[in-house]
Amino acid sequence: MNPTIAMITFRAMLGRRRALLLLVLPLVLLVLAVVLRSTGNNDLDVSADVLQKFGLATLLPLLALIAGTGVIGPEIDDGQIMYVLTKPIPRQVIVLTKLAVAIVLVTAFAVVPTLLAGLILTGTTAQMAPAFTIGVLVGGVTYSAVFVALAVMSRNAVTIGLLYALVWESLLGNFAPGAKSASIQQWALSVADALTSASPVKASVDLPVAVLLLIAVTLAGTLLSAYRLRSLAVASAD
């Protein structure tokens, strides 16, 4: 990692208006958890539904999209990335630093709120809170790698990311079994499913396959980002 790039990226991300979105979404989850707990509507079925459909399926991909595209996309759009590319810094270091910042942001604004919401809803019952926390964490790493790669490859990364997260995973995933199998959400849910005994938590992808796909997609996204950055440098030089 490069500390200077990381510091500049953190400052840019937390100083923009998009930082409000990083705060609003987890606050909604926490408020919902408190309301359900205070009204006694926090049985395992309801709690699992909230943590899966709001935490894992909505909060996580949206925050990862904001973080993953935000750490590098604006710099590419306004040309500032070329200043970094002219420095003697390996492209993989730039990518890994940007990805690390995105993962830290996702951890702070998605993983931690999911843990808190789970503890508010169910405490340590069936280990559901830590299970979803780990599921959101591993899913967040993969989402971040994918969205960083999208930001490097396309100026329409946010639109493409929304289509994937909301249409492919959320809409088609409810009707097409094939879409579920090719879903980061389902791979992360498989990890959560393996860590909790709560019967409402059920994944459609086997754990070994899910772990393999999470690792493969994360590596592919990272390598693709580094390769594309090299192409940007060449294009600039030409």
Protein backbone atom coordinates (compact mmCIF):
# COMPACT_ATOMS: atom_id res chain seq x y z
CA MET A 1 0.00 0.00 0.00
CA ASN A 2 0.93 3.64 -0.48
CA PRO A 3 0.08 5.73 2.64
CA THR A 4 -0.03 9.01 0.72
CA ILE A 5 -2.51 7.71 -1.85
CA ALA A 6 -4.58 6.13 0.93
CA MET A 7 -4.72 9.39 2.93
CA ILE A 8 -5.69 11.46 -0.11
CA THR A 9 -8.37 8.93 -1.07
CA PHE A 10 -9.85 8.83 2.45
CA ARG A 11 -9.95 12.62 2.56
CA ALA A 12 -11.66 12.79 -0.82
CA MET A 13 -14.24 10.12 0.02
CA LEU A 14 -15.18 11.47 3.44
CA GLY A 15 -15.24 15.06 2.28
CA ARG A 16 -17.72 14.66 -0.55
CA ARG A 17 -21.50 14.70 -0.45
CA ARG A 18 -21.47 10.98 -1.12
CA ALA A 19 -20.22 10.61 2.45
CA LEU A 20 -23.78 11.40 3.53
CA LEU A 21 -24.96 8.25 1.75
CA LEU A 22 -22.33 6.27 3.63
CA LEU A 23 -23.96 7.44 6.86
CA VAL A 24 -27.65 7.42 5.94
CA LEU A 25 -28.00 3.80 4.85
CA PRO A 26 -26.46 2.19 7.97
CA LEU A 27 -28.44 4.55 10.19
CA VAL A 28 -31.66 3.33 8.57
CA LEU A 29 -30.65 -0.27 9.35
CA LEU A 30 -29.84 0.54 12.96
CA VAL A 31 -33.06 2.51 13.48
CA LEU A 32 -35.06 -0.35 11.98
CA ALA A 33 -33.35 -2.82 14.32
CA VAL A 34 -34.10 -0.66 17.36
CA VAL A 35 -37.75 -0.26 16.36
CA LEU A 36 -38.22 -3.99 15.82
CA ARG A 37 -36.53 -4.81 19.13
CA SER A 38 -38.53 -2.23 21.09
CA THR A 39 -41.82 -3.45 19.63
CA GLY A 40 -41.03 -7.13 20.18
CA ASN A 41 -41.00 -7.95 16.47
CA ASN A 42 -37.49 -9.33 16.48
CA ASP A 43 -37.96 -13.10 16.24
CA LEU A 44 -35.41 -15.09 14.25
CA ASP A 45 -37.46 -15.08 11.04
CA VAL A 46 -37.90 -11.30 11.01
CA SER A 47 -34.32 -10.65 12.12
CA ALA A 48 -32.89 -12.94 9.46
CA ASP A 49 -35.07 -11.24 6.86
CA VAL A 50 -33.84 -7.78 7.89
CA LEU A 51 -30.17 -8.76 8.00
CA GLN A 52 -30.35 -10.56 4.68
CA LYS A 53 -32.65 -8.36 2.60
CA PHE A 54 -31.64 -4.99 4.00
CA GLY A 55 -28.12 -5.57 5.32
CA LEU A 56 -26.68 -8.06 2.84
CA ALA A 57 -28.82 -7.47 -0.26
CA THR A 58 -29.30 -3.68 -0.13
CA LEU A 59 -26.95 -1.89 2.26
CA LEU A 60 -23.81 -3.83 1.31
CA PRO A 61 -23.90 -3.59 -2.52
CA LEU A 62 -24.94 0.07 -2.48
CA LEU A 63 -22.21 1.09 -0.04
CA ALA A 64 -19.63 -1.03 -1.86
CA LEU A 65 -20.70 0.64 -5.11
CA ILE A 66 -20.28 4.11 -3.60
CA ALA A 67 -16.92 3.21 -2.08
CA GLY A 68 -15.55 1.09 -4.92
CA THR A 69 -16.33 3.55 -7.69
CA GLY A 70 -15.63 6.60 -5.56
CA VAL A 71 -12.04 5.76 -4.61
CA ILE A 72 -10.82 5.94 -8.22
CA GLY A 73 -13.63 6.79 -10.63
CA PRO A 74 -13.67 10.59 -10.11
CA GLU A 75 -9.88 10.76 -10.51
CA ILE A 76 -10.14 9.00 -13.87
CA ASP A 77 -13.03 11.19 -15.01
CA ASP A 78 -11.24 14.49 -14.27
CA GLY A 79 -7.80 13.25 -15.34
CA GLN A 80 -6.14 13.55 -11.94
CA ILE A 81 -5.24 9.86 -12.04
CA MET A 82 -2.59 10.67 -14.65
CA TYR A 83 -0.65 12.62 -12.03
CA VAL A 84 -0.43 9.46 -9.93
CA LEU A 85 0.40 7.29 -12.93
CA THR A 86 3.40 9.46 -13.79
CA LYS A 87 4.97 8.66 -10.41
CA PRO A 88 7.25 5.62 -9.99
CA ILE A 89 4.54 3.67 -8.22
CA PRO A 90 3.65 0.17 -9.45
CA ARG A 91 0.12 -0.03 -10.82
CA GLN A 92 -0.72 -2.92 -8.53
CA VAL A 93 0.20 -0.77 -5.52
CA ILE A 94 -2.20 1.94 -6.67
CA VAL A 95 -4.98 -0.59 -7.17
CA LEU A 96 -4.38 -2.38 -3.87
CA THR A 97 -4.32 0.94 -2.01
CA LYS A 98 -7.58 2.10 -3.59
CA LEU A 99 -9.14 -1.30 -2.93
CA ALA A 100 -7.98 -1.27 0.68
CA VAL A 101 -9.58 2.14 1.22
CA ALA A 102 -12.85 0.90 -0.29
CA ILE A 103 -12.78 -2.18 1.96
CA VAL A 104 -12.13 -0.06 5.06
CA LEU A 105 -15.08 2.17 4.17
CA VAL A 106 -17.33 -0.83 3.57
CA THR A 107 -16.20 -2.32 6.88
CA ALA A 108 -16.93 0.89 8.77
CA PHE A 109 -20.27 1.67 7.15
CA ALA A 110 -21.68 -1.78 6.32
CA VAL A 111 -19.96 -4.52 8.33
CA VAL A 112 -19.98 -2.79 11.72
CA PRO A 113 -23.61 -1.58 11.42
CA THR A 114 -24.65 -5.11 10.42
CA LEU A 115 -23.01 -6.50 13.56
CA LEU A 116 -24.68 -3.86 15.74
CA ALA A 117 -28.07 -4.41 14.12
CA GLY A 118 -27.73 -8.16 14.54
CA LEU A 119 -26.84 -7.82 18.22
CA ILE A 120 -29.76 -5.45 18.78
CA LEU A 121 -32.17 -7.84 17.08
CA THR A 122 -31.04 -11.25 18.30
CA GLY A 123 -28.07 -10.81 20.65
CA THR A 124 -25.97 -13.96 20.34
CA THR A 125 -28.89 -16.25 19.54
CA ALA A 126 -27.87 -18.88 16.97
CA GLN A 127 -24.73 -16.79 16.33
CA MET A 128 -26.71 -15.03 13.63
CA ALA A 129 -25.20 -11.58 14.24
CA PRO A 130 -21.55 -12.66 13.83
CA ALA A 131 -22.51 -14.95 10.95
CA PHE A 132 -24.01 -12.12 8.92
CA THR A 133 -21.15 -9.85 9.94
CA ILE A 134 -18.60 -12.22 8.41
CA GLY A 135 -20.84 -12.78 5.40
CA VAL A 136 -21.11 -9.04 4.79
CA LEU A 137 -17.34 -8.67 5.25
CA VAL A 138 -16.35 -11.29 2.67
CA GLY A 139 -19.06 -10.10 0.30
CA GLY A 140 -17.86 -6.52 0.78
CA VAL A 141 -14.32 -7.41 -0.24
CA THR A 142 -15.54 -9.01 -3.46
CA TYR A 143 -18.03 -6.26 -4.26
CA SER A 144 -15.30 -3.66 -3.72
CA ALA A 145 -12.91 -5.43 -6.10
CA VAL A 146 -15.63 -5.68 -8.75
CA PHE A 147 -16.70 -2.05 -8.46
CA VAL A 148 -13.13 -0.73 -8.45
CA ALA A 149 -12.56 -2.69 -11.67
CA LEU A 150 -15.77 -1.26 -13.16
CA ALA A 151 -14.67 2.27 -12.25
CA VAL A 152 -11.32 1.75 -13.99
CA MET A 153 -12.91 0.24 -17.09
CA SER A 154 -15.96 2.42 -17.64
CA ARG A 155 -17.24 5.92 -17.00
CA ASN A 156 -20.68 4.34 -16.49
CA ALA A 157 -19.52 2.20 -13.56
CA VAL A 158 -22.24 3.43 -11.20
CA THR A 159 -25.01 2.62 -13.68
CA ILE A 160 -23.56 -0.80 -14.48
CA GLY A 161 -23.08 -1.52 -10.79
CA LEU A 162 -26.66 -0.57 -9.98
CA LEU A 163 -27.96 -2.76 -12.79
CA TYR A 164 -25.95 -5.69 -11.46
CA ALA A 165 -26.82 -5.21 -7.80
CA LEU A 166 -30.48 -4.23 -8.12
CA VAL A 167 -31.58 -5.95 -11.31
CA TRP A 168 -29.42 -9.06 -11.63
CA GLU A 169 -29.00 -9.95 -7.97
CA SER A 170 -32.19 -8.61 -6.41
CA LEU A 171 -34.81 -8.84 -9.18
CA LEU A 172 -33.72 -11.72 -11.41
CA GLY A 173 -32.22 -13.53 -8.42
CA ASN A 174 -35.71 -14.05 -7.02
CA PHE A 175 -36.94 -15.79 -10.16
CA ALA A 176 -33.97 -17.26 -12.04
CA PRO A 177 -31.93 -19.96 -10.29
CA GLY A 178 -28.99 -19.26 -12.60
CA ALA A 179 -28.86 -15.63 -11.45
CA LYS A 180 -28.62 -16.75 -7.84
CA SER A 181 -25.66 -18.97 -8.61
CA ALA A 182 -23.82 -16.03 -10.20
CA SER A 183 -24.54 -13.68 -7.31
CA ILE A 184 -22.02 -12.24 -4.85
CA GLN A 185 -24.93 -11.81 -2.48
CA GLN A 186 -25.65 -15.55 -2.51
CA TRP A 187 -21.97 -16.43 -2.12
CA ALA A 188 -21.76 -14.20 0.95
CA LEU A 189 -25.04 -15.62 2.26
CA SER A 190 -23.55 -19.11 1.94
CA VAL A 191 -20.76 -18.08 4.32
CA ALA A 192 -23.31 -16.68 6.79
CA ASP A 193 -25.43 -19.82 6.45
CA ALA A 194 -22.46 -22.00 7.39
CA LEU A 195 -21.81 -19.97 10.55
CA THR A 196 -25.32 -19.89 12.01
CA SER A 197 -27.77 -22.56 13.10
CA ALA A 198 -30.74 -20.29 12.40
CA SER A 199 -33.09 -22.15 10.04
CA PRO A 200 -34.36 -19.00 8.23
CA VAL A 201 -30.87 -18.42 6.80
CA LYS A 202 -30.59 -20.49 3.64
CA ALA A 203 -28.21 -20.08 0.71
CA SER A 204 -28.60 -21.55 -2.76
CA VAL A 205 -24.86 -22.04 -3.33
CA ASP A 206 -22.72 -24.65 -1.55
CA LEU A 207 -20.06 -23.21 0.75
CA PRO A 208 -16.94 -24.59 -1.05
CA VAL A 209 -18.19 -23.24 -4.37
CA ALA A 210 -19.11 -19.90 -2.81
CA VAL A 211 -15.69 -19.44 -1.18
CA LEU A 212 -13.90 -20.39 -4.40
CA LEU A 213 -15.98 -17.92 -6.42
CA LEU A 214 -15.51 -15.12 -3.88
CA ILE A 215 -11.73 -15.53 -4.05
CA ALA A 216 -11.65 -15.92 -7.84
CA VAL A 217 -13.79 -12.84 -8.55
CA THR A 218 -11.84 -10.73 -6.05
CA LEU A 219 -8.52 -11.67 -7.64
CA ALA A 220 -9.89 -11.21 -11.16
CA GLY A 221 -11.23 -7.74 -10.36
CA THR A 222 -7.94 -6.67 -8.78
CA LEU A 223 -5.80 -7.96 -11.64
CA LEU A 224 -8.12 -6.44 -14.23
CA SER A 225 -7.92 -3.05 -12.50
CA ALA A 226 -4.10 -3.12 -12.50
CA TYR A 227 -4.00 -4.13 -16.17
CA ARG A 228 -6.43 -1.38 -17.17
CA LEU A 229 -4.41 1.25 -15.29
CA ARG A 230 -1.38 0.31 -17.37
CA SER A 231 -3.47 0.89 -20.50
CA LEU A 232 -4.51 4.32 -19.22
CA ALA A 233 -0.88 5.27 -18.73
CA VAL A 234 0.00 4.16 -22.27
CA ALA A 235 -2.95 6.06 -23.72
CA SER A 236 -1.86 9.20 -21.88
CA ALA A 237 1.67 8.91 -23.16
CA ASP A 238 0.42 8.56 -26.75
